[in-house]
Amino acid sequence: MGESKRRKTALGEQYGQDSERFISWIPITKNQAEKFIQITTKGAWIGIGVMIAVWLTVRFIGPAFGFWEVY
């Protein structure tokens, strides 16, 4: 018998339902908390990439066009 069948027989009617709450008094499940962490982590890395691109533009490309004088 496979693992999913064992889980299904062990959980009974609760099989496939949403997981338990992350904190009992906050209506957020563990799955929702994990998804939130994944999305915010991806957003943070995108923000870091954009910040680096802007910094490179201002630091190197801007002076090449004469916008800022670098001494």
PDB file of N, CA and C in Angstrom:
ATOM      1  N   MET A   1       0.854  -1.177   0.000  1.00  0.00           N
ATOM      2  CA  MET A   1       0.000   0.000   0.000  1.00  0.00           C
ATOM      3  C   MET A   1       0.900   1.240   0.000  1.00  0.00           C
ATOM      4  N   GLY A   2       0.522   2.233  -0.804  1.00  0.00           N
ATOM      5  CA  GLY A   2       1.313   3.448  -0.911  1.00  0.00           C
ATOM      6  C   GLY A   2       1.092   4.391   0.254  1.00  0.00           C
ATOM      7  N   GLU A   3       1.959   5.376   0.349  1.00  0.00           N
ATOM      8  CA  GLU A   3       1.895   6.343   1.448  1.00  0.00           C
ATOM      9  C   GLU A   3       0.592   7.126   1.449  1.00  0.00           C
ATOM     10  N   SER A   4       0.106   7.504   0.261  1.00  0.00           N
ATOM     11  CA  SER A   4      -1.133   8.285   0.210  1.00  0.00           C
ATOM     12  C   SER A   4      -2.327   7.458   0.686  1.00  0.00           C
ATOM     13  N   LYS A   5      -2.348   6.173   0.376  1.00  0.00           N
ATOM     14  CA  LYS A   5      -3.443   5.316   0.855  1.00  0.00           C
ATOM     15  C   LYS A   5      -3.375   5.157   2.370  1.00  0.00           C
ATOM     16  N   ARG A   6      -2.166   5.023   2.902  1.00  0.00           N
ATOM     17  CA  ARG A   6      -2.012   4.927   4.362  1.00  0.00           C
ATOM     18  C   ARG A   6      -2.511   6.204   5.036  1.00  0.00           C
ATOM     19  N   ARG A   7      -2.156   7.333   4.461  1.00  0.00           N
ATOM     20  CA  ARG A   7      -2.604   8.606   5.015  1.00  0.00           C
ATOM     21  C   ARG A   7      -4.121   8.731   4.938  1.00  0.00           C
ATOM     22  N   LYS A   8      -4.686   8.299   3.825  1.00  0.00           N
ATOM     23  CA  LYS A   8      -6.128   8.397   3.634  1.00  0.00           C
ATOM     24  C   LYS A   8      -6.874   7.545   4.656  1.00  0.00           C
ATOM     25  N   THR A   9      -6.380   6.346   4.910  1.00  0.00           N
ATOM     26  CA  THR A   9      -7.045   5.497   5.898  1.00  0.00           C
ATOM     27  C   THR A   9      -6.828   6.024   7.311  1.00  0.00           C
ATOM     28  N   ALA A  10      -5.688   6.639   7.571  1.00  0.00           N
ATOM     29  CA  ALA A  10      -5.410   7.158   8.914  1.00  0.00           C
ATOM     30  C   ALA A  10      -6.230   8.415   9.209  1.00  0.00           C
ATOM     31  N   LEU A  11      -6.379   9.292   8.215  1.00  0.00           N
ATOM     32  CA  LEU A  11      -7.092  10.547   8.437  1.00  0.00           C
ATOM     33  C   LEU A  11      -8.608  10.417   8.283  1.00  0.00           C
ATOM     34  N   GLY A  12      -9.050   9.448   7.535  1.00  0.00           N
ATOM     35  CA  GLY A  12     -10.483   9.250   7.360  1.00  0.00           C
ATOM     36  C   GLY A  12     -11.122  10.391   6.585  1.00  0.00           C
ATOM     37  N   GLU A  13     -12.143  11.011   7.167  1.00  0.00           N
ATOM     38  CA  GLU A  13     -12.874  12.071   6.472  1.00  0.00           C
ATOM     39  C   GLU A  13     -12.096  13.370   6.365  1.00  0.00           C
ATOM     40  N   GLN A  14     -11.071  13.543   7.164  1.00  0.00           N
ATOM     41  CA  GLN A  14     -10.280  14.777   7.118  1.00  0.00           C
ATOM     42  C   GLN A  14      -9.239  14.754   6.002  1.00  0.00           C
ATOM     43  N   TYR A  15      -9.126  13.649   5.282  1.00  0.00           N
ATOM     44  CA  TYR A  15      -8.142  13.536   4.201  1.00  0.00           C
ATOM     45  C   TYR A  15      -8.454  14.535   3.090  1.00  0.00           C
ATOM     46  N   GLY A  16      -7.477  15.314   2.682  1.00  0.00           N
ATOM     47  CA  GLY A  16      -7.624  16.265   1.601  1.00  0.00           C
ATOM     48  C   GLY A  16      -8.180  17.610   2.006  1.00  0.00           C
ATOM     49  N   GLN A  17      -8.547  17.763   3.256  1.00  0.00           N
ATOM     50  CA  GLN A  17      -9.051  19.049   3.708  1.00  0.00           C
ATOM     51  C   GLN A  17      -7.880  19.959   4.052  1.00  0.00           C
ATOM     52  N   ASP A  18      -8.204  21.227   4.274  1.00  0.00           N
ATOM     53  CA  ASP A  18      -7.159  22.212   4.571  1.00  0.00           C
ATOM     54  C   ASP A  18      -6.426  21.849   5.857  1.00  0.00           C
ATOM     55  N   SER A  19      -5.172  22.237   5.935  1.00  0.00           N
ATOM     56  CA  SER A  19      -4.368  21.904   7.107  1.00  0.00           C
ATOM     57  C   SER A  19      -4.792  22.730   8.316  1.00  0.00           C
ATOM     58  N   GLU A  20      -4.187  22.414   9.425  1.00  0.00           N
ATOM     59  CA  GLU A  20      -4.528  23.104  10.670  1.00  0.00           C
ATOM     60  C   GLU A  20      -4.029  24.541  10.658  1.00  0.00           C
ATOM     61  N   ARG A  21      -4.513  25.302  11.597  1.00  0.00           N
ATOM     62  CA  ARG A  21      -4.166  26.723  11.648  1.00  0.00           C
ATOM     63  C   ARG A  21      -2.732  26.914  12.127  1.00  0.00           C
ATOM     64  N   PHE A  22      -2.128  27.972  11.616  1.00  0.00           N
ATOM     65  CA  PHE A  22      -0.758  28.331  11.972  1.00  0.00           C
ATOM     66  C   PHE A  22      -0.691  28.743  13.441  1.00  0.00           C
ATOM     67  N   ILE A  23      -1.556  29.657  13.833  1.00  0.00           N
ATOM     68  CA  ILE A  23      -1.741  30.083  15.220  1.00  0.00           C
ATOM     69  C   ILE A  23      -3.227  29.952  15.490  1.00  0.00           C
ATOM     70  N   SER A  24      -3.591  29.376  16.612  1.00  0.00           N
ATOM     71  CA  SER A  24      -4.985  29.014  16.844  1.00  0.00           C
ATOM     72  C   SER A  24      -5.951  30.187  16.761  1.00  0.00           C
ATOM     73  N   TRP A  25      -5.549  31.375  17.171  1.00  0.00           N
ATOM     74  CA  TRP A  25      -6.466  32.511  17.189  1.00  0.00           C
ATOM     75  C   TRP A  25      -6.390  33.373  15.940  1.00  0.00           C
ATOM     76  N   ILE A  26      -5.562  32.995  14.954  1.00  0.00           N
ATOM     77  CA  ILE A  26      -5.484  33.708  13.676  1.00  0.00           C
ATOM     78  C   ILE A  26      -6.012  32.769  12.594  1.00  0.00           C
ATOM     79  N   PRO A  27      -6.971  33.212  11.784  1.00  0.00           N
ATOM     80  CA  PRO A  27      -7.562  32.324  10.785  1.00  0.00           C
ATOM     81  C   PRO A  27      -6.676  32.122   9.545  1.00  0.00           C
ATOM     82  N   ILE A  28      -5.445  31.688   9.751  1.00  0.00           N
ATOM     83  CA  ILE A  28      -4.510  31.436   8.656  1.00  0.00           C
ATOM     84  C   ILE A  28      -4.003  30.005   8.824  1.00  0.00           C
ATOM     85  N   THR A  29      -4.097  29.225   7.757  1.00  0.00           N
ATOM     86  CA  THR A  29      -3.617  27.851   7.828  1.00  0.00           C
ATOM     87  C   THR A  29      -2.114  27.805   7.562  1.00  0.00           C
ATOM     88  N   LYS A  30      -1.530  26.667   7.853  1.00  0.00           N
ATOM     89  CA  LYS A  30      -0.089  26.513   7.609  1.00  0.00           C
ATOM     90  C   LYS A  30       0.221  26.610   6.122  1.00  0.00           C
ATOM     91  N   ASN A  31      -0.658  26.076   5.288  1.00  0.00           N
ATOM     92  CA  ASN A  31      -0.437  26.166   3.835  1.00  0.00           C
ATOM     93  C   ASN A  31      -0.443  27.614   3.368  1.00  0.00           C
ATOM     94  N   GLN A  32      -1.360  28.416   3.891  1.00  0.00           N
ATOM     95  CA  GLN A  32      -1.426  29.830   3.518  1.00  0.00           C
ATOM     96  C   GLN A  32      -0.187  30.572   4.005  1.00  0.00           C
ATOM     97  N   ALA A  33       0.296  30.244   5.195  1.00  0.00           N
ATOM     98  CA  ALA A  33       1.500  30.891   5.722  1.00  0.00           C
ATOM     99  C   ALA A  33       2.716  30.548   4.869  1.00  0.00           C
ATOM    100  N   GLU A  34       2.838  29.292   4.453  1.00  0.00           N
ATOM    101  CA  GLU A  34       3.965  28.896   3.611  1.00  0.00           C
ATOM    102  C   GLU A  34       3.901  29.583   2.246  1.00  0.00           C
ATOM    103  N   LYS A  35       2.708  29.670   1.677  1.00  0.00           N
ATOM    104  CA  LYS A  35       2.545  30.343   0.380  1.00  0.00           C
ATOM    105  C   LYS A  35       2.903  31.829   0.495  1.00  0.00           C
ATOM    106  N   PHE A  36       2.489  32.473   1.594  1.00  0.00           N
ATOM    107  CA  PHE A  36       2.822  33.877   1.821  1.00  0.00           C
ATOM    108  C   PHE A  36       4.334  34.068   1.894  1.00  0.00           C
ATOM    109  N   ILE A  37       5.019  33.175   2.579  1.00  0.00           N
ATOM    110  CA  ILE A  37       6.477  33.274   2.695  1.00  0.00           C
ATOM    111  C   ILE A  37       7.133  33.100   1.330  1.00  0.00           C
ATOM    112  N   GLN A  38       6.634  32.152   0.528  1.00  0.00           N
ATOM    113  CA  GLN A  38       7.197  31.955  -0.811  1.00  0.00           C
ATOM    114  C   GLN A  38       7.014  33.190  -1.686  1.00  0.00           C
ATOM    115  N   ILE A  39       5.831  33.785  -1.643  1.00  0.00           N
ATOM    116  CA  ILE A  39       5.547  34.962  -2.477  1.00  0.00           C
ATOM    117  C   ILE A  39       6.391  36.157  -2.038  1.00  0.00           C
ATOM    118  N   THR A  40       6.476  36.393  -0.728  1.00  0.00           N
ATOM    119  CA  THR A  40       7.249  37.547  -0.259  1.00  0.00           C
ATOM    120  C   THR A  40       8.740  37.356  -0.498  1.00  0.00           C
ATOM    121  N   THR A  41       9.222  36.121  -0.413  1.00  0.00           N
ATOM    122  CA  THR A  41      10.636  35.863  -0.701  1.00  0.00           C
ATOM    123  C   THR A  41      10.936  36.146  -2.165  1.00  0.00           C
ATOM    124  N   LYS A  42      10.062  35.686  -3.045  1.00  0.00           N
ATOM    125  CA  LYS A  42      10.249  35.946  -4.477  1.00  0.00           C
ATOM    126  C   LYS A  42      10.191  37.448  -4.754  1.00  0.00           C
ATOM    127  N   GLY A  43       9.258  38.143  -4.106  1.00  0.00           N
ATOM    128  CA  GLY A  43       9.148  39.593  -4.279  1.00  0.00           C
ATOM    129  C   GLY A  43      10.380  40.329  -3.780  1.00  0.00           C
ATOM    130  N   ALA A  44      10.943  39.849  -2.679  1.00  0.00           N
ATOM    131  CA  ALA A  44      12.157  40.478  -2.147  1.00  0.00           C
ATOM    132  C   ALA A  44      13.319  40.324  -3.124  1.00  0.00           C
ATOM    133  N   TRP A  45      13.478  39.143  -3.715  1.00  0.00           N
ATOM    134  CA  TRP A  45      14.565  38.947  -4.670  1.00  0.00           C
ATOM    135  C   TRP A  45      14.354  39.787  -5.931  1.00  0.00           C
ATOM    136  N   ILE A  46      13.107  39.926  -6.363  1.00  0.00           N
ATOM    137  CA  ILE A  46      12.829  40.800  -7.510  1.00  0.00           C
ATOM    138  C   ILE A  46      13.184  42.238  -7.163  1.00  0.00           C
ATOM    139  N   GLY A  47      12.840  42.683  -5.952  1.00  0.00           N
ATOM    140  CA  GLY A  47      13.184  44.037  -5.506  1.00  0.00           C
ATOM    141  C   GLY A  47      14.678  44.264  -5.448  1.00  0.00           C
ATOM    142  N   ILE A  48      15.416  43.263  -4.978  1.00  0.00           N
ATOM    143  CA  ILE A  48      16.873  43.376  -4.927  1.00  0.00           C
ATOM    144  C   ILE A  48      17.433  43.499  -6.338  1.00  0.00           C
ATOM    145  N   GLY A  49      16.912  42.701  -7.269  1.00  0.00           N
ATOM    146  CA  GLY A  49      17.370  42.780  -8.661  1.00  0.00           C
ATOM    147  C   GLY A  49      17.089  44.128  -9.284  1.00  0.00           C
ATOM    148  N   VAL A  50      15.908  44.676  -9.024  1.00  0.00           N
ATOM    149  CA  VAL A  50      15.564  46.003  -9.560  1.00  0.00           C
ATOM    150  C   VAL A  50      16.466  47.067  -8.952  1.00  0.00           C
ATOM    151  N   MET A  51      16.731  46.961  -7.653  1.00  0.00           N
ATOM    152  CA  MET A  51      17.597  47.932  -6.987  1.00  0.00           C
ATOM    153  C   MET A  51      19.008  47.903  -7.586  1.00  0.00           C
ATOM    154  N   ILE A  52      19.535  46.722  -7.866  1.00  0.00           N
ATOM    155  CA  ILE A  52      20.864  46.606  -8.464  1.00  0.00           C
ATOM    156  C   ILE A  52      20.867  47.197  -9.876  1.00  0.00           C
ATOM    157  N   ALA A  53      19.795  46.922 -10.645  1.00  0.00           N
ATOM    158  CA  ALA A  53      19.715  47.470 -12.006  1.00  0.00           C
ATOM    159  C   ALA A  53      19.668  48.993 -11.981  1.00  0.00           C
ATOM    160  N   VAL A  54      18.906  49.568 -11.064  1.00  0.00           N
ATOM    161  CA  VAL A  54      18.837  51.030 -10.952  1.00  0.00           C
ATOM    162  C   VAL A  54      20.183  51.592 -10.523  1.00  0.00           C
ATOM    163  N   TRP A  55      20.836  50.928  -9.577  1.00  0.00           N
ATOM    164  CA  TRP A  55      22.137  51.404  -9.110  1.00  0.00           C
ATOM    165  C   TRP A  55      23.164  51.376 -10.246  1.00  0.00           C
ATOM    166  N   LEU A  56      23.171  50.285 -11.023  1.00  0.00           N
ATOM    167  CA  LEU A  56      24.106  50.208 -12.145  1.00  0.00           C
ATOM    168  C   LEU A  56      23.818  51.289 -13.181  1.00  0.00           C
ATOM    169  N   THR A  57      22.547  51.555 -13.421  1.00  0.00           N
ATOM    170  CA  THR A  57      22.177  52.595 -14.378  1.00  0.00           C
ATOM    171  C   THR A  57      22.652  53.963 -13.915  1.00  0.00           C
ATOM    172  N   VAL A  58      22.384  54.275 -12.654  1.00  0.00           N
ATOM    173  CA  VAL A  58      22.774  55.590 -12.126  1.00  0.00           C
ATOM    174  C   VAL A  58      24.283  55.697 -12.035  1.00  0.00           C
ATOM    175  N   ARG A  59      24.951  54.634 -11.619  1.00  0.00           N
ATOM    176  CA  ARG A  59      26.389  54.697 -11.366  1.00  0.00           C
ATOM    177  C   ARG A  59      27.229  54.706 -12.637  1.00  0.00           C
ATOM    178  N   PHE A  60      26.859  53.887 -13.623  1.00  0.00           N
ATOM    179  CA  PHE A  60      27.715  53.730 -14.787  1.00  0.00           C
ATOM    180  C   PHE A  60      27.119  54.314 -16.068  1.00  0.00           C
ATOM    181  N   ILE A  61      25.873  54.079 -16.338  1.00  0.00           N
ATOM    182  CA  ILE A  61      25.282  54.546 -17.592  1.00  0.00           C
ATOM    183  C   ILE A  61      24.982  56.035 -17.535  1.00  0.00           C
ATOM    184  N   GLY A  62      24.508  56.525 -16.401  1.00  0.00           N
ATOM    185  CA  GLY A  62      24.206  57.949 -16.247  1.00  0.00           C
ATOM    186  C   GLY A  62      25.401  58.843 -16.534  1.00  0.00           C
ATOM    187  N   PRO A  63      26.557  58.594 -15.913  1.00  0.00           N
ATOM    188  CA  PRO A  63      27.724  59.429 -16.203  1.00  0.00           C
ATOM    189  C   PRO A  63      28.200  59.326 -17.660  1.00  0.00           C
ATOM    190  N   ALA A  64      27.963  58.203 -18.296  1.00  0.00           N
ATOM    191  CA  ALA A  64      28.372  58.059 -19.703  1.00  0.00           C
ATOM    192  C   ALA A  64      27.592  59.014 -20.589  1.00  0.00           C
ATOM    193  N   PHE A  65      26.379  59.361 -20.214  1.00  0.00           N
ATOM    194  CA  PHE A  65      25.577  60.312 -20.984  1.00  0.00           C
ATOM    195  C   PHE A  65      25.759  61.736 -20.479  1.00  0.00           C
ATOM    196  N   GLY A  66      26.597  61.918 -19.455  1.00  0.00           N
ATOM    197  CA  GLY A  66      26.890  63.260 -18.964  1.00  0.00           C
ATOM    198  C   GLY A  66      25.862  63.813 -17.998  1.00  0.00           C
ATOM    199  N   PHE A  67      25.013  62.969 -17.425  1.00  0.00           N
ATOM    200  CA  PHE A  67      24.012  63.451 -16.498  1.00  0.00           C
ATOM    201  C   PHE A  67      24.630  63.878 -15.166  1.00  0.00           C
ATOM    202  N   TRP A  68      25.622  63.120 -14.724  1.00  0.00           N
ATOM    203  CA  TRP A  68      26.290  63.443 -13.469  1.00  0.00           C
ATOM    204  C   TRP A  68      27.786  63.420 -13.726  1.00  0.00           C
ATOM    205  N   GLU A  69      28.431  64.402 -13.159  1.00  0.00           N
ATOM    206  CA  GLU A  69      29.880  64.504 -13.321  1.00  0.00           C
ATOM    207  C   GLU A  69      30.552  63.648 -12.255  1.00  0.00           C
ATOM    208  N   VAL A  70      31.411  62.725 -12.661  1.00  0.00           N
ATOM    209  CA  VAL A  70      32.119  61.861 -11.717  1.00  0.00           C
ATOM    210  C   VAL A  70      33.560  62.326 -11.665  1.00  0.00           C
ATOM    211  N   TYR A  71      34.053  62.618 -10.477  1.00  0.00           N
ATOM    212  CA  TYR A  71      35.411  63.105 -10.329  1.00  0.00           C
ATOM    213  C   TYR A  71      36.302  62.049  -9.779  1.00  0.00           C
TER     214      TYR A  71
END
